[in-house]
Amino acid sequence: MELDKIYEEAGLDDDEIFMMESYLEGVEEFHGTDSFDKLHEYFAFDIGEMPYDVVDGTNGDPDVWILNKLFEIRDEE
């Protein structure tokens, strides 16, 4: 499962992985969590997939970008 691989590579622990479904479904606030910080670091700097103008927040919200990316990946599985 690709999401599990991403979570592992980003360094999320078991509790953070468990919470990701709540973030994806909008039940819990994602921005400001350790999961957000780790996934932001992963997508922005580790693999460089997040566009720079989203990384710095000038043209989009990093938290929305991350969740949309994870939705895309989940839908492909």
PDB file of N, CA and C in Angstrom:
ATOM      1  N   MET A   1       0.846  -1.188   0.000  1.00  0.00           N
ATOM      2  CA  MET A   1       0.000   0.000   0.000  1.00  0.00           C
ATOM      3  C   MET A   1       0.883   1.240   0.000  1.00  0.00           C
ATOM      4  N   GLU A   2       0.696   2.100  -0.977  1.00  0.00           N
ATOM      5  CA  GLU A   2       1.579   3.245  -1.140  1.00  0.00           C
ATOM      6  C   GLU A   2       1.477   4.249   0.006  1.00  0.00           C
ATOM      7  N   LEU A   3       0.279   4.458   0.549  1.00  0.00           N
ATOM      8  CA  LEU A   3       0.153   5.391   1.673  1.00  0.00           C
ATOM      9  C   LEU A   3       0.999   4.935   2.852  1.00  0.00           C
ATOM     10  N   ASP A   4       0.986   3.653   3.150  1.00  0.00           N
ATOM     11  CA  ASP A   4       1.794   3.133   4.257  1.00  0.00           C
ATOM     12  C   ASP A   4       3.274   3.416   4.023  1.00  0.00           C
ATOM     13  N   LYS A   5       3.716   3.259   2.786  1.00  0.00           N
ATOM     14  CA  LYS A   5       5.117   3.519   2.444  1.00  0.00           C
ATOM     15  C   LYS A   5       5.452   4.993   2.662  1.00  0.00           C
ATOM     16  N   ILE A   6       4.562   5.877   2.233  1.00  0.00           N
ATOM     17  CA  ILE A   6       4.779   7.316   2.421  1.00  0.00           C
ATOM     18  C   ILE A   6       4.835   7.649   3.906  1.00  0.00           C
ATOM     19  N   TYR A   7       3.893   7.131   4.662  1.00  0.00           N
ATOM     20  CA  TYR A   7       3.872   7.407   6.106  1.00  0.00           C
ATOM     21  C   TYR A   7       5.161   6.925   6.772  1.00  0.00           C
ATOM     22  N   GLU A   8       5.623   5.759   6.367  1.00  0.00           N
ATOM     23  CA  GLU A   8       6.855   5.209   6.933  1.00  0.00           C
ATOM     24  C   GLU A   8       8.056   6.075   6.546  1.00  0.00           C
ATOM     25  N   GLU A   9       8.155   6.427   5.264  1.00  0.00           N
ATOM     26  CA  GLU A   9       9.276   7.237   4.800  1.00  0.00           C
ATOM     27  C   GLU A   9       9.280   8.630   5.426  1.00  0.00           C
ATOM     28  N   ALA A  10       8.091   9.155   5.729  1.00  0.00           N
ATOM     29  CA  ALA A  10       7.981  10.473   6.367  1.00  0.00           C
ATOM     30  C   ALA A  10       8.259  10.406   7.867  1.00  0.00           C
ATOM     31  N   GLY A  11       8.295   9.200   8.419  1.00  0.00           N
ATOM     32  CA  GLY A  11       8.621   9.036   9.831  1.00  0.00           C
ATOM     33  C   GLY A  11       7.443   9.095  10.780  1.00  0.00           C
ATOM     34  N   LEU A  12       6.228   8.886  10.279  1.00  0.00           N
ATOM     35  CA  LEU A  12       5.062   8.884  11.160  1.00  0.00           C
ATOM     36  C   LEU A  12       5.097   7.645  12.046  1.00  0.00           C
ATOM     37  N   ASP A  13       4.741   7.832  13.318  1.00  0.00           N
ATOM     38  CA  ASP A  13       4.653   6.681  14.212  1.00  0.00           C
ATOM     39  C   ASP A  13       3.251   6.071  14.116  1.00  0.00           C
ATOM     40  N   ASP A  14       3.023   4.988  14.832  1.00  0.00           N
ATOM     41  CA  ASP A  14       1.754   4.264  14.736  1.00  0.00           C
ATOM     42  C   ASP A  14       0.550   5.135  15.087  1.00  0.00           C
ATOM     43  N   ASP A  15       0.672   5.956  16.118  1.00  0.00           N
ATOM     44  CA  ASP A  15      -0.443   6.827  16.516  1.00  0.00           C
ATOM     45  C   ASP A  15      -0.738   7.873  15.438  1.00  0.00           C
ATOM     46  N   GLU A  16       0.313   8.417  14.855  1.00  0.00           N
ATOM     47  CA  GLU A  16       0.127   9.414  13.797  1.00  0.00           C
ATOM     48  C   GLU A  16      -0.512   8.780  12.558  1.00  0.00           C
ATOM     49  N   ILE A  17      -0.088   7.585  12.215  1.00  0.00           N
ATOM     50  CA  ILE A  17      -0.690   6.876  11.083  1.00  0.00           C
ATOM     51  C   ILE A  17      -2.164   6.607  11.364  1.00  0.00           C
ATOM     52  N   PHE A  18      -2.473   6.187  12.572  1.00  0.00           N
ATOM     53  CA  PHE A  18      -3.859   5.928  12.957  1.00  0.00           C
ATOM     54  C   PHE A  18      -4.727   7.175  12.775  1.00  0.00           C
ATOM     55  N   MET A  19      -4.188   8.348  13.095  1.00  0.00           N
ATOM     56  CA  MET A  19      -4.945   9.595  13.013  1.00  0.00           C
ATOM     57  C   MET A  19      -5.123  10.095  11.583  1.00  0.00           C
ATOM     58  N   MET A  20      -4.331   9.626  10.645  1.00  0.00           N
ATOM     59  CA  MET A  20      -4.376  10.159   9.285  1.00  0.00           C
ATOM     60  C   MET A  20      -5.760  10.034   8.652  1.00  0.00           C
ATOM     61  N   GLU A  21      -6.476   8.970   8.903  1.00  0.00           N
ATOM     62  CA  GLU A  21      -7.818   8.830   8.319  1.00  0.00           C
ATOM     63  C   GLU A  21      -8.744   9.936   8.823  1.00  0.00           C
ATOM     64  N   SER A  22      -8.618  10.302  10.094  1.00  0.00           N
ATOM     65  CA  SER A  22      -9.423  11.401  10.646  1.00  0.00           C
ATOM     66  C   SER A  22      -9.080  12.724   9.972  1.00  0.00           C
ATOM     67  N   TYR A  23      -7.812  12.926   9.673  1.00  0.00           N
ATOM     68  CA  TYR A  23      -7.406  14.147   8.979  1.00  0.00           C
ATOM     69  C   TYR A  23      -7.939  14.142   7.550  1.00  0.00           C
ATOM     70  N   LEU A  24      -7.815  13.006   6.877  1.00  0.00           N
ATOM     71  CA  LEU A  24      -8.277  12.906   5.491  1.00  0.00           C
ATOM     72  C   LEU A  24      -9.789  13.103   5.384  1.00  0.00           C
ATOM     73  N   GLU A  25     -10.510  12.661   6.384  1.00  0.00           N
ATOM     74  CA  GLU A  25     -11.971  12.789   6.371  1.00  0.00           C
ATOM     75  C   GLU A  25     -12.442  14.116   6.944  1.00  0.00           C
ATOM     76  N   GLY A  26     -11.521  14.949   7.412  1.00  0.00           N
ATOM     77  CA  GLY A  26     -11.881  16.260   7.935  1.00  0.00           C
ATOM     78  C   GLY A  26     -12.480  16.232   9.326  1.00  0.00           C
ATOM     79  N   VAL A  27     -12.320  15.109  10.016  1.00  0.00           N
ATOM     80  CA  VAL A  27     -12.859  14.987  11.376  1.00  0.00           C
ATOM     81  C   VAL A  27     -11.967  15.734  12.369  1.00  0.00           C
ATOM     82  N   GLU A  28     -10.674  15.672  12.150  1.00  0.00           N
ATOM     83  CA  GLU A  28      -9.695  16.336  13.018  1.00  0.00           C
ATOM     84  C   GLU A  28      -8.900  17.337  12.190  1.00  0.00           C
ATOM     85  N   GLU A  29      -8.397  18.381  12.836  1.00  0.00           N
ATOM     86  CA  GLU A  29      -7.571  19.396  12.172  1.00  0.00           C
ATOM     87  C   GLU A  29      -6.171  18.831  11.919  1.00  0.00           C
ATOM     88  N   PHE A  30      -5.728  18.896  10.672  1.00  0.00           N
ATOM     89  CA  PHE A  30      -4.436  18.345  10.263  1.00  0.00           C
ATOM     90  C   PHE A  30      -3.302  19.345  10.465  1.00  0.00           C
ATOM     91  N   HIS A  31      -3.539  20.600  10.080  1.00  0.00           N
ATOM     92  CA  HIS A  31      -2.490  21.619  10.170  1.00  0.00           C
ATOM     93  C   HIS A  31      -2.049  21.787  11.616  1.00  0.00           C
ATOM     94  N   GLY A  32      -0.745  21.874  11.820  1.00  0.00           N
ATOM     95  CA  GLY A  32      -0.212  22.076  13.161  1.00  0.00           C
ATOM     96  C   GLY A  32       0.088  20.790  13.914  1.00  0.00           C
ATOM     97  N   THR A  33      -0.181  19.645  13.300  1.00  0.00           N
ATOM     98  CA  THR A  33       0.107  18.369  13.954  1.00  0.00           C
ATOM     99  C   THR A  33       1.517  17.909  13.601  1.00  0.00           C
ATOM    100  N   ASP A  34       2.028  16.964  14.378  1.00  0.00           N
ATOM    101  CA  ASP A  34       3.323  16.371  14.054  1.00  0.00           C
ATOM    102  C   ASP A  34       3.259  15.656  12.705  1.00  0.00           C
ATOM    103  N   SER A  35       2.112  15.063  12.398  1.00  0.00           N
ATOM    104  CA  SER A  35       1.940  14.393  11.109  1.00  0.00           C
ATOM    105  C   SER A  35       2.080  15.388   9.965  1.00  0.00           C
ATOM    106  N   PHE A  36       1.457  16.547  10.110  1.00  0.00           N
ATOM    107  CA  PHE A  36       1.600  17.588   9.094  1.00  0.00           C
ATOM    108  C   PHE A  36       3.060  17.979   8.936  1.00  0.00           C
ATOM    109  N   ASP A  37       3.743  18.229  10.052  1.00  0.00           N
ATOM    110  CA  ASP A  37       5.145  18.653   9.982  1.00  0.00           C
ATOM    111  C   ASP A  37       5.995  17.616   9.250  1.00  0.00           C
ATOM    112  N   LYS A  38       5.799  16.355   9.579  1.00  0.00           N
ATOM    113  CA  LYS A  38       6.597  15.287   8.965  1.00  0.00           C
ATOM    114  C   LYS A  38       6.269  15.124   7.485  1.00  0.00           C
ATOM    115  N   LEU A  39       4.990  15.174   7.135  1.00  0.00           N
ATOM    116  CA  LEU A  39       4.611  15.026   5.733  1.00  0.00           C
ATOM    117  C   LEU A  39       4.992  16.258   4.915  1.00  0.00           C
ATOM    118  N   HIS A  40       4.930  17.427   5.525  1.00  0.00           N
ATOM    119  CA  HIS A  40       5.380  18.651   4.849  1.00  0.00           C
ATOM    120  C   HIS A  40       6.865  18.538   4.535  1.00  0.00           C
ATOM    121  N   GLU A  41       7.646  18.146   5.491  1.00  0.00           N
ATOM    122  CA  GLU A  41       9.087  17.959   5.294  1.00  0.00           C
ATOM    123  C   GLU A  41       9.347  16.926   4.187  1.00  0.00           C
ATOM    124  N   TYR A  42       8.601  15.843   4.229  1.00  0.00           N
ATOM    125  CA  TYR A  42       8.764  14.765   3.251  1.00  0.00           C
ATOM    126  C   TYR A  42       8.460  15.243   1.832  1.00  0.00           C
ATOM    127  N   PHE A  43       7.275  15.812   1.620  1.00  0.00           N
ATOM    128  CA  PHE A  43       6.877  16.213   0.272  1.00  0.00           C
ATOM    129  C   PHE A  43       7.633  17.451  -0.224  1.00  0.00           C
ATOM    130  N   ALA A  44       7.953  18.375   0.677  1.00  0.00           N
ATOM    131  CA  ALA A  44       8.595  19.619   0.256  1.00  0.00           C
ATOM    132  C   ALA A  44      10.100  19.475   0.068  1.00  0.00           C
ATOM    133  N   PHE A  45      10.749  18.749   0.972  1.00  0.00           N
ATOM    134  CA  PHE A  45      12.211  18.752   0.968  1.00  0.00           C
ATOM    135  C   PHE A  45      12.833  17.380   0.700  1.00  0.00           C
ATOM    136  N   ASP A  46      12.256  16.335   1.263  1.00  0.00           N
ATOM    137  CA  ASP A  46      12.856  15.008   1.065  1.00  0.00           C
ATOM    138  C   ASP A  46      12.717  14.533  -0.379  1.00  0.00           C
ATOM    139  N   ILE A  47      11.511  14.646  -0.936  1.00  0.00           N
ATOM    140  CA  ILE A  47      11.322  14.203  -2.324  1.00  0.00           C
ATOM    141  C   ILE A  47      11.076  15.370  -3.275  1.00  0.00           C
ATOM    142  N   GLY A  48      10.875  16.573  -2.752  1.00  0.00           N
ATOM    143  CA  GLY A  48      10.752  17.765  -3.575  1.00  0.00           C
ATOM    144  C   GLY A  48       9.554  17.794  -4.509  1.00  0.00           C
ATOM    145  N   GLU A  49       8.473  17.148  -4.119  1.00  0.00           N
ATOM    146  CA  GLU A  49       7.298  17.074  -4.984  1.00  0.00           C
ATOM    147  C   GLU A  49       6.352  18.269  -4.828  1.00  0.00           C
ATOM    148  N   MET A  50       6.349  18.881  -3.665  1.00  0.00           N
ATOM    149  CA  MET A  50       5.461  20.021  -3.435  1.00  0.00           C
ATOM    150  C   MET A  50       6.042  21.267  -4.112  1.00  0.00           C
ATOM    151  N   PRO A  51       5.245  21.957  -4.908  1.00  0.00           N
ATOM    152  CA  PRO A  51       5.743  23.176  -5.567  1.00  0.00           C
ATOM    153  C   PRO A  51       6.204  24.219  -4.546  1.00  0.00           C
ATOM    154  N   TYR A  52       7.258  24.952  -4.904  1.00  0.00           N
ATOM    155  CA  TYR A  52       7.836  25.922  -3.977  1.00  0.00           C
ATOM    156  C   TYR A  52       6.823  26.956  -3.510  1.00  0.00           C
ATOM    157  N   ASP A  53       5.970  27.432  -4.417  1.00  0.00           N
ATOM    158  CA  ASP A  53       5.014  28.463  -4.022  1.00  0.00           C
ATOM    159  C   ASP A  53       3.938  27.935  -3.072  1.00  0.00           C
ATOM    160  N   VAL A  54       3.786  26.629  -3.003  1.00  0.00           N
ATOM    161  CA  VAL A  54       2.898  26.033  -2.003  1.00  0.00           C
ATOM    162  C   VAL A  54       3.674  25.815  -0.704  1.00  0.00           C
ATOM    163  N   VAL A  55       4.940  25.414  -0.829  1.00  0.00           N
ATOM    164  CA  VAL A  55       5.781  25.212   0.358  1.00  0.00           C
ATOM    165  C   VAL A  55       5.793  26.470   1.210  1.00  0.00           C
ATOM    166  N   ASP A  56       5.979  27.620   0.567  1.00  0.00           N
ATOM    167  CA  ASP A  56       6.060  28.864   1.343  1.00  0.00           C
ATOM    168  C   ASP A  56       4.710  29.541   1.537  1.00  0.00           C
ATOM    169  N   GLY A  57       3.641  28.931   1.016  1.00  0.00           N
ATOM    170  CA  GLY A  57       2.291  29.428   1.263  1.00  0.00           C
ATOM    171  C   GLY A  57       1.862  30.606   0.410  1.00  0.00           C
ATOM    172  N   THR A  58       2.627  30.979  -0.622  1.00  0.00           N
ATOM    173  CA  THR A  58       2.240  32.122  -1.444  1.00  0.00           C
ATOM    174  C   THR A  58       1.172  31.768  -2.474  1.00  0.00           C
ATOM    175  N   ASN A  59       1.063  30.502  -2.824  1.00  0.00           N
ATOM    176  CA  ASN A  59       0.077  30.101  -3.826  1.00  0.00           C
ATOM    177  C   ASN A  59      -0.544  28.765  -3.441  1.00  0.00           C
ATOM    178  N   GLY A  60      -1.152  28.741  -2.287  1.00  0.00           N
ATOM    179  CA  GLY A  60      -1.790  27.518  -1.807  1.00  0.00           C
ATOM    180  C   GLY A  60      -1.383  27.210  -0.385  1.00  0.00           C
ATOM    181  N   ASP A  61      -2.135  26.323   0.203  1.00  0.00           N
ATOM    182  CA  ASP A  61      -1.888  25.916   1.579  1.00  0.00           C
ATOM    183  C   ASP A  61      -1.224  24.547   1.589  1.00  0.00           C
ATOM    184  N   PRO A  62      -0.063  24.426   2.236  1.00  0.00           N
ATOM    185  CA  PRO A  62       0.626  23.141   2.268  1.00  0.00           C
ATOM    186  C   PRO A  62      -0.228  22.008   2.833  1.00  0.00           C
ATOM    187  N   ASP A  63      -1.031  22.300   3.852  1.00  0.00           N
ATOM    188  CA  ASP A  63      -1.846  21.238   4.451  1.00  0.00           C
ATOM    189  C   ASP A  63      -2.887  20.723   3.463  1.00  0.00           C
ATOM    190  N   VAL A  64      -3.499  21.628   2.704  1.00  0.00           N
ATOM    191  CA  VAL A  64      -4.486  21.230   1.698  1.00  0.00           C
ATOM    192  C   VAL A  64      -3.805  20.445   0.585  1.00  0.00           C
ATOM    193  N   TRP A  65      -2.632  20.908   0.156  1.00  0.00           N
ATOM    194  CA  TRP A  65      -1.889  20.207  -0.891  1.00  0.00           C
ATOM    195  C   TRP A  65      -1.568  18.774  -0.459  1.00  0.00           C
ATOM    196  N   ILE A  66      -1.077  18.627   0.775  1.00  0.00           N
ATOM    197  CA  ILE A  66      -0.714  17.292   1.280  1.00  0.00           C
ATOM    198  C   ILE A  66      -1.946  16.391   1.317  1.00  0.00           C
ATOM    199  N   LEU A  67      -3.034  16.871   1.884  1.00  0.00           N
ATOM    200  CA  LEU A  67      -4.237  16.043   1.975  1.00  0.00           C
ATOM    201  C   LEU A  67      -4.761  15.686   0.587  1.00  0.00           C
ATOM    202  N   ASN A  68      -4.747  16.632  -0.342  1.00  0.00           N
ATOM    203  CA  ASN A  68      -5.181  16.333  -1.716  1.00  0.00           C
ATOM    204  C   ASN A  68      -4.282  15.283  -2.356  1.00  0.00           C
ATOM    205  N   LYS A  69      -2.984  15.387  -2.127  1.00  0.00           N
ATOM    206  CA  LYS A  69      -2.038  14.405  -2.667  1.00  0.00           C
ATOM    207  C   LYS A  69      -2.333  13.023  -2.093  1.00  0.00           C
ATOM    208  N   LEU A  70      -2.571  12.946  -0.800  1.00  0.00           N
ATOM    209  CA  LEU A  70      -2.869  11.660  -0.158  1.00  0.00           C
ATOM    210  C   LEU A  70      -4.199  11.096  -0.651  1.00  0.00           C
ATOM    211  N   PHE A  71      -5.191  11.974  -0.886  1.00  0.00           N
ATOM    212  CA  PHE A  71      -6.464  11.521  -1.471  1.00  0.00           C
ATOM    213  C   PHE A  71      -6.228  10.892  -2.839  1.00  0.00           C
ATOM    214  N   GLU A  72      -5.425  11.554  -3.671  1.00  0.00           N
ATOM    215  CA  GLU A  72      -5.124  11.018  -5.008  1.00  0.00           C
ATOM    216  C   GLU A  72      -4.502   9.632  -4.922  1.00  0.00           C
ATOM    217  N   ILE A  73      -3.533   9.507  -4.043  1.00  0.00           N
ATOM    218  CA  ILE A  73      -2.841   8.228  -3.894  1.00  0.00           C
ATOM    219  C   ILE A  73      -3.794   7.159  -3.372  1.00  0.00           C
ATOM    220  N   ARG A  74      -4.604   7.515  -2.391  1.00  0.00           N
ATOM    221  CA  ARG A  74      -5.565   6.553  -1.836  1.00  0.00           C
ATOM    222  C   ARG A  74      -6.571   6.111  -2.888  1.00  0.00           C
ATOM    223  N   ASP A  75      -7.018   7.037  -3.717  1.00  0.00           N
ATOM    224  CA  ASP A  75      -7.993   6.706  -4.753  1.00  0.00           C
ATOM    225  C   ASP A  75      -7.410   5.807  -5.845  1.00  0.00           C
ATOM    226  N   GLU A  76      -6.110   5.896  -6.055  1.00  0.00           N
ATOM    227  CA  GLU A  76      -5.437   5.073  -7.047  1.00  0.00           C
ATOM    228  C   GLU A  76      -5.227   3.640  -6.574  1.00  0.00           C
ATOM    229  N   GLU A  77      -5.271   3.434  -5.276  1.00  0.00           N
ATOM    230  CA  GLU A  77      -4.981   2.095  -4.713  1.00  0.00           C
ATOM    231  C   GLU A  77      -6.136   1.154  -4.882  1.00  0.00           C
TER     232      GLU A  77
END
